[in-house]
Amino acid sequence: MAIGARDRIDQLLVKKYAQERVDNHESMTSMINPEKMMSAMNDFASMHRNMFVLSQRLNQACSRINARTARYATNTVAA
């Protein structure tokens, strides 16, 4: 495979965008402090993790309570 413009349209596009400049995102200052953003994301994740653990514990507790208070009826099978 060759690299470069193959037809007239590609050649015109290369000429058009050859002089274009883009912003270097590494030299720009961010409006958001990345440390605060990571801290907020960590807080959000830990809150959801704790809510999941609490939900699991609640499910286990409810299962235990239901198992203790369950009343089983025996059915006789007529053969």
Protein backbone atom coordinates (compact mmCIF):
# COMPACT_ATOMS: atom_id res chain seq x y z
CA MET A 1 0.00 0.00 0.00
CA ALA A 2 1.26 3.39 -0.93
CA ILE A 3 0.94 6.35 1.37
CA GLY A 4 -0.24 9.61 -0.10
CA ALA A 5 -2.92 11.16 -2.25
CA ARG A 6 -4.10 8.84 -5.03
CA ASP A 7 -6.53 11.00 -6.95
CA ARG A 8 -7.31 14.65 -7.58
CA ILE A 9 -9.68 15.03 -4.64
CA ASP A 10 -7.14 13.61 -2.21
CA GLN A 11 -4.45 15.91 -3.59
CA LEU A 12 -6.68 18.95 -3.12
CA LEU A 13 -7.49 17.88 0.43
CA VAL A 14 -3.79 17.47 1.20
CA LYS A 15 -3.09 20.96 -0.12
CA LYS A 16 -6.00 22.42 1.82
CA TYR A 17 -5.07 20.89 5.18
CA ALA A 18 -1.27 21.04 4.83
CA GLN A 19 -1.11 24.47 6.45
CA GLU A 20 -3.72 23.85 9.15
CA ARG A 21 -2.64 24.04 12.76
CA VAL A 22 -4.28 22.36 15.70
CA ASP A 23 -4.17 23.24 19.36
CA ASN A 24 -1.79 21.23 21.45
CA HIS A 25 -3.96 20.00 24.30
CA GLU A 26 -0.94 19.38 26.51
CA SER A 27 0.03 23.05 26.58
CA MET A 28 -3.48 24.28 27.33
CA THR A 29 -4.64 24.93 30.87
CA SER A 30 -7.70 23.01 31.89
CA MET A 31 -10.67 24.68 33.52
CA ILE A 32 -11.06 21.61 35.75
CA ASN A 33 -8.44 20.60 38.25
CA PRO A 34 -7.61 16.96 37.40
CA GLU A 35 -6.84 16.12 41.03
CA LYS A 36 -10.27 17.35 42.15
CA MET A 37 -11.92 15.48 39.28
CA MET A 38 -10.16 12.23 40.22
CA SER A 39 -11.09 12.78 43.85
CA ALA A 40 -14.75 13.31 42.94
CA MET A 41 -14.74 10.20 40.73
CA ASN A 42 -13.14 8.19 43.54
CA ASP A 43 -15.76 9.42 46.03
CA PHE A 44 -18.54 8.53 43.60
CA ALA A 45 -17.12 5.05 43.00
CA SER A 46 -16.59 4.33 46.70
CA MET A 47 -20.13 5.48 47.50
CA HIS A 48 -21.57 3.11 44.88
CA ARG A 49 -19.34 0.28 46.10
CA ASN A 50 -20.55 0.84 49.68
CA MET A 51 -24.17 0.95 48.54
CA PHE A 52 -23.65 -2.36 46.71
CA VAL A 53 -22.14 -3.97 49.82
CA LEU A 54 -25.02 -2.71 51.95
CA SER A 55 -27.50 -4.04 49.42
CA GLN A 56 -25.84 -7.46 49.50
CA ARG A 57 -25.91 -7.50 53.32
CA LEU A 58 -29.57 -6.51 53.33
CA ASN A 59 -30.38 -9.29 50.87
CA GLN A 60 -28.56 -11.82 53.05
CA ALA A 61 -30.34 -10.61 56.18
CA CYS A 62 -33.73 -10.80 54.47
CA SER A 63 -32.96 -14.29 53.19
CA ARG A 64 -32.04 -15.45 56.70
CA ILE A 65 -35.21 -13.95 58.18
CA ASN A 66 -37.37 -15.52 55.50
CA ALA A 67 -35.68 -18.89 55.99
CA ARG A 68 -36.28 -18.77 59.77
CA THR A 69 -39.92 -17.79 59.53
CA ALA A 70 -40.83 -19.99 56.59
CA ARG A 71 -43.51 -22.59 57.22
CA TYR A 72 -43.34 -25.57 55.00
CA ALA A 73 -46.40 -27.60 54.24
CA THR A 74 -46.15 -31.24 53.32
CA ASN A 75 -48.28 -32.49 50.48
CA THR A 76 -49.07 -36.12 50.15
CA VAL A 77 -48.69 -37.43 46.67
CA ALA A 78 -51.38 -39.89 45.69
CA ALA A 79 -49.93 -42.64 43.54
